[in-house]
Amino acid sequence: MTTSIFFDDALRMLVNAYWISAILLIAASGIGLAVIETIEKTGER
């Protein structure tokens, strides 16, 4: 019994992983910028 994966299924998984990682990167950078902005505002008092 061989477990093989078709090329279009593998390509679809790679594309999904790419989009998920891109969305997570944008979300994480937004959160990081918000944290940095908050730290700077508290330091200006």
PDB file of N, CA and C in Angstrom:
ATOM      1  N   MET A   1       0.834  -1.184   0.000  1.00  0.00           N
ATOM      2  CA  MET A   1       0.000   0.000   0.000  1.00  0.00           C
ATOM      3  C   MET A   1       0.882   1.252   0.000  1.00  0.00           C
ATOM      4  N   THR A   2       0.725   2.064  -0.996  1.00  0.00           N
ATOM      5  CA  THR A   2       1.519   3.281  -1.089  1.00  0.00           C
ATOM      6  C   THR A   2       0.628   4.485  -0.766  1.00  0.00           C
ATOM      7  N   THR A   3       1.179   5.379   0.010  1.00  0.00           N
ATOM      8  CA  THR A   3       0.445   6.611   0.313  1.00  0.00           C
ATOM      9  C   THR A   3       1.062   7.728  -0.518  1.00  0.00           C
ATOM     10  N   SER A   4       0.369   8.093  -1.569  1.00  0.00           N
ATOM     11  CA  SER A   4       0.871   9.148  -2.449  1.00  0.00           C
ATOM     12  C   SER A   4      -0.085  10.325  -2.407  1.00  0.00           C
ATOM     13  N   ILE A   5       0.450  11.493  -2.682  1.00  0.00           N
ATOM     14  CA  ILE A   5      -0.353  12.715  -2.710  1.00  0.00           C
ATOM     15  C   ILE A   5      -0.252  13.294  -4.115  1.00  0.00           C
ATOM     16  N   PHE A   6      -1.367  13.732  -4.625  1.00  0.00           N
ATOM     17  CA  PHE A   6      -1.370  14.269  -5.978  1.00  0.00           C
ATOM     18  C   PHE A   6      -0.776  15.669  -5.994  1.00  0.00           C
ATOM     19  N   PHE A   7      -0.270  16.053  -7.159  1.00  0.00           N
ATOM     20  CA  PHE A   7       0.428  17.336  -7.275  1.00  0.00           C
ATOM     21  C   PHE A   7      -0.502  18.504  -6.975  1.00  0.00           C
ATOM     22  N   ASP A   8      -1.739  18.471  -7.464  1.00  0.00           N
ATOM     23  CA  ASP A   8      -2.635  19.603  -7.234  1.00  0.00           C
ATOM     24  C   ASP A   8      -3.029  19.713  -5.764  1.00  0.00           C
ATOM     25  N   ASP A   9      -3.127  18.577  -5.076  1.00  0.00           N
ATOM     26  CA  ASP A   9      -3.403  18.628  -3.631  1.00  0.00           C
ATOM     27  C   ASP A   9      -2.221  19.227  -2.873  1.00  0.00           C
ATOM     28  N   ALA A  10      -1.020  18.835  -3.242  1.00  0.00           N
ATOM     29  CA  ALA A  10       0.168  19.371  -2.589  1.00  0.00           C
ATOM     30  C   ALA A  10       0.308  20.866  -2.866  1.00  0.00           C
ATOM     31  N   LEU A  11       0.026  21.248  -4.103  1.00  0.00           N
ATOM     32  CA  LEU A  11       0.115  22.670  -4.452  1.00  0.00           C
ATOM     33  C   LEU A  11      -0.919  23.479  -3.687  1.00  0.00           C
ATOM     34  N   ARG A  12      -2.127  22.939  -3.548  1.00  0.00           N
ATOM     35  CA  ARG A  12      -3.179  23.629  -2.803  1.00  0.00           C
ATOM     36  C   ARG A  12      -2.782  23.794  -1.339  1.00  0.00           C
ATOM     37  N   MET A  13      -2.169  22.765  -0.750  1.00  0.00           N
ATOM     38  CA  MET A  13      -1.728  22.866   0.644  1.00  0.00           C
ATOM     39  C   MET A  13      -0.637  23.923   0.802  1.00  0.00           C
ATOM     40  N   LEU A  14       0.294  23.976  -0.157  1.00  0.00           N
ATOM     41  CA  LEU A  14       1.362  24.975  -0.088  1.00  0.00           C
ATOM     42  C   LEU A  14       0.814  26.389  -0.229  1.00  0.00           C
ATOM     43  N   VAL A  15      -0.143  26.579  -1.127  1.00  0.00           N
ATOM     44  CA  VAL A  15      -0.737  27.902  -1.315  1.00  0.00           C
ATOM     45  C   VAL A  15      -1.494  28.318  -0.057  1.00  0.00           C
ATOM     46  N   ASN A  16      -2.251  27.389   0.528  1.00  0.00           N
ATOM     47  CA  ASN A  16      -2.966  27.697   1.767  1.00  0.00           C
ATOM     48  C   ASN A  16      -2.001  28.052   2.885  1.00  0.00           C
ATOM     49  N   ALA A  17      -0.911  27.323   3.005  1.00  0.00           N
ATOM     50  CA  ALA A  17       0.079  27.611   4.037  1.00  0.00           C
ATOM     51  C   ALA A  17       0.714  28.985   3.803  1.00  0.00           C
ATOM     52  N   TYR A  18       0.945  29.339   2.547  1.00  0.00           N
ATOM     53  CA  TYR A  18       1.515  30.645   2.224  1.00  0.00           C
ATOM     54  C   TYR A  18       0.571  31.770   2.654  1.00  0.00           C
ATOM     55  N   TRP A  19      -0.717  31.648   2.296  1.00  0.00           N
ATOM     56  CA  TRP A  19      -1.676  32.701   2.642  1.00  0.00           C
ATOM     57  C   TRP A  19      -1.869  32.796   4.143  1.00  0.00           C
ATOM     58  N   ILE A  20      -1.925  31.666   4.830  1.00  0.00           N
ATOM     59  CA  ILE A  20      -2.088  31.696   6.288  1.00  0.00           C
ATOM     60  C   ILE A  20      -0.886  32.362   6.942  1.00  0.00           C
ATOM     61  N   SER A  21       0.317  32.045   6.476  1.00  0.00           N
ATOM     62  CA  SER A  21       1.507  32.655   7.069  1.00  0.00           C
ATOM     63  C   SER A  21       1.566  34.150   6.769  1.00  0.00           C
ATOM     64  N   ALA A  22       1.135  34.561   5.583  1.00  0.00           N
ATOM     65  CA  ALA A  22       1.125  35.984   5.252  1.00  0.00           C
ATOM     66  C   ALA A  22       0.132  36.734   6.131  1.00  0.00           C
ATOM     67  N   ILE A  23      -1.047  36.177   6.334  1.00  0.00           N
ATOM     68  CA  ILE A  23      -2.056  36.826   7.179  1.00  0.00           C
ATOM     69  C   ILE A  23      -1.569  36.901   8.629  1.00  0.00           C
ATOM     70  N   LEU A  24      -0.972  35.827   9.111  1.00  0.00           N
ATOM     71  CA  LEU A  24      -0.463  35.836  10.484  1.00  0.00           C
ATOM     72  C   LEU A  24       0.670  36.842  10.648  1.00  0.00           C
ATOM     73  N   LEU A  25       1.513  36.979   9.639  1.00  0.00           N
ATOM     74  CA  LEU A  25       2.603  37.946   9.705  1.00  0.00           C
ATOM     75  C   LEU A  25       2.074  39.372   9.763  1.00  0.00           C
ATOM     76  N   ILE A  26       1.066  39.676   8.954  1.00  0.00           N
ATOM     77  CA  ILE A  26       0.476  41.020   8.963  1.00  0.00           C
ATOM     78  C   ILE A  26      -0.184  41.290  10.312  1.00  0.00           C
ATOM     79  N   ALA A  27      -0.901  40.306  10.845  1.00  0.00           N
ATOM     80  CA  ALA A  27      -1.561  40.481  12.141  1.00  0.00           C
ATOM     81  C   ALA A  27      -0.534  40.681  13.252  1.00  0.00           C
ATOM     82  N   ALA A  28       0.523  39.900  13.243  1.00  0.00           N
ATOM     83  CA  ALA A  28       1.543  40.016  14.286  1.00  0.00           C
ATOM     84  C   ALA A  28       2.264  41.358  14.197  1.00  0.00           C
ATOM     85  N   SER A  29       2.518  41.853  13.002  1.00  0.00           N
ATOM     86  CA  SER A  29       3.191  43.143  12.881  1.00  0.00           C
ATOM     87  C   SER A  29       2.270  44.267  13.335  1.00  0.00           C
ATOM     88  N   GLY A  30       0.967  44.144  13.069  1.00  0.00           N
ATOM     89  CA  GLY A  30       0.024  45.145  13.550  1.00  0.00           C
ATOM     90  C   GLY A  30      -0.031  45.178  15.065  1.00  0.00           C
ATOM     91  N   ILE A  31      -0.060  44.008  15.679  1.00  0.00           N
ATOM     92  CA  ILE A  31      -0.081  43.933  17.142  1.00  0.00           C
ATOM     93  C   ILE A  31       1.218  44.486  17.711  1.00  0.00           C
ATOM     94  N   GLY A  32       2.327  44.144  17.089  1.00  0.00           N
ATOM     95  CA  GLY A  32       3.625  44.651  17.564  1.00  0.00           C
ATOM     96  C   GLY A  32       3.720  46.166  17.472  1.00  0.00           C
ATOM     97  N   LEU A  33       3.235  46.732  16.370  1.00  0.00           N
ATOM     98  CA  LEU A  33       3.252  48.193  16.234  1.00  0.00           C
ATOM     99  C   LEU A  33       2.349  48.852  17.265  1.00  0.00           C
ATOM    100  N   ALA A  34       1.201  48.252  17.559  1.00  0.00           N
ATOM    101  CA  ALA A  34       0.314  48.801  18.578  1.00  0.00           C
ATOM    102  C   ALA A  34       0.971  48.779  19.951  1.00  0.00           C
ATOM    103  N   VAL A  35       1.670  47.714  20.247  1.00  0.00           N
ATOM    104  CA  VAL A  35       2.366  47.616  21.536  1.00  0.00           C
ATOM    105  C   VAL A  35       3.467  48.658  21.631  1.00  0.00           C
ATOM    106  N   ILE A  36       4.241  48.820  20.568  1.00  0.00           N
ATOM    107  CA  ILE A  36       5.324  49.801  20.569  1.00  0.00           C
ATOM    108  C   ILE A  36       4.755  51.211  20.719  1.00  0.00           C
ATOM    109  N   GLU A  37       3.659  51.506  20.025  1.00  0.00           N
ATOM    110  CA  GLU A  37       3.042  52.825  20.129  1.00  0.00           C
ATOM    111  C   GLU A  37       2.541  53.087  21.543  1.00  0.00           C
ATOM    112  N   THR A  38       1.977  52.081  22.171  1.00  0.00           N
ATOM    113  CA  THR A  38       1.496  52.226  23.551  1.00  0.00           C
ATOM    114  C   THR A  38       2.667  52.477  24.498  1.00  0.00           C
ATOM    115  N   ILE A  39       3.755  51.767  24.309  1.00  0.00           N
ATOM    116  CA  ILE A  39       4.935  51.953  25.171  1.00  0.00           C
ATOM    117  C   ILE A  39       5.485  53.365  24.996  1.00  0.00           C
ATOM    118  N   GLU A  40       5.538  53.848  23.760  1.00  0.00           N
ATOM    119  CA  GLU A  40       6.049  55.196  23.525  1.00  0.00           C
ATOM    120  C   GLU A  40       5.144  56.247  24.140  1.00  0.00           C
ATOM    121  N   LYS A  41       3.834  56.061  24.055  1.00  0.00           N
ATOM    122  CA  LYS A  41       2.903  57.045  24.623  1.00  0.00           C
ATOM    123  C   LYS A  41       3.030  57.098  26.145  1.00  0.00           C
ATOM    124  N   THR A  42       3.215  55.950  26.795  1.00  0.00           N
ATOM    125  CA  THR A  42       3.347  55.947  28.252  1.00  0.00           C
ATOM    126  C   THR A  42       4.681  56.556  28.675  1.00  0.00           C
ATOM    127  N   GLY A  43       5.678  56.499  27.821  1.00  0.00           N
ATOM    128  CA  GLY A  43       6.974  57.075  28.152  1.00  0.00           C
ATOM    129  C   GLY A  43       7.019  58.581  27.985  1.00  0.00           C
ATOM    130  N   GLU A  44       6.069  59.169  27.250  1.00  0.00           N
ATOM    131  CA  GLU A  44       6.092  60.607  26.978  1.00  0.00           C
ATOM    132  C   GLU A  44       5.532  61.447  28.105  1.00  0.00           C
ATOM    133  N   ARG A  45       4.797  60.858  29.029  1.00  0.00           N
ATOM    134  CA  ARG A  45       4.135  61.588  30.091  1.00  0.00           C
ATOM    135  C   ARG A  45       4.984  62.682  30.582  1.00  0.00           C
TER     136      ARG A  45
END
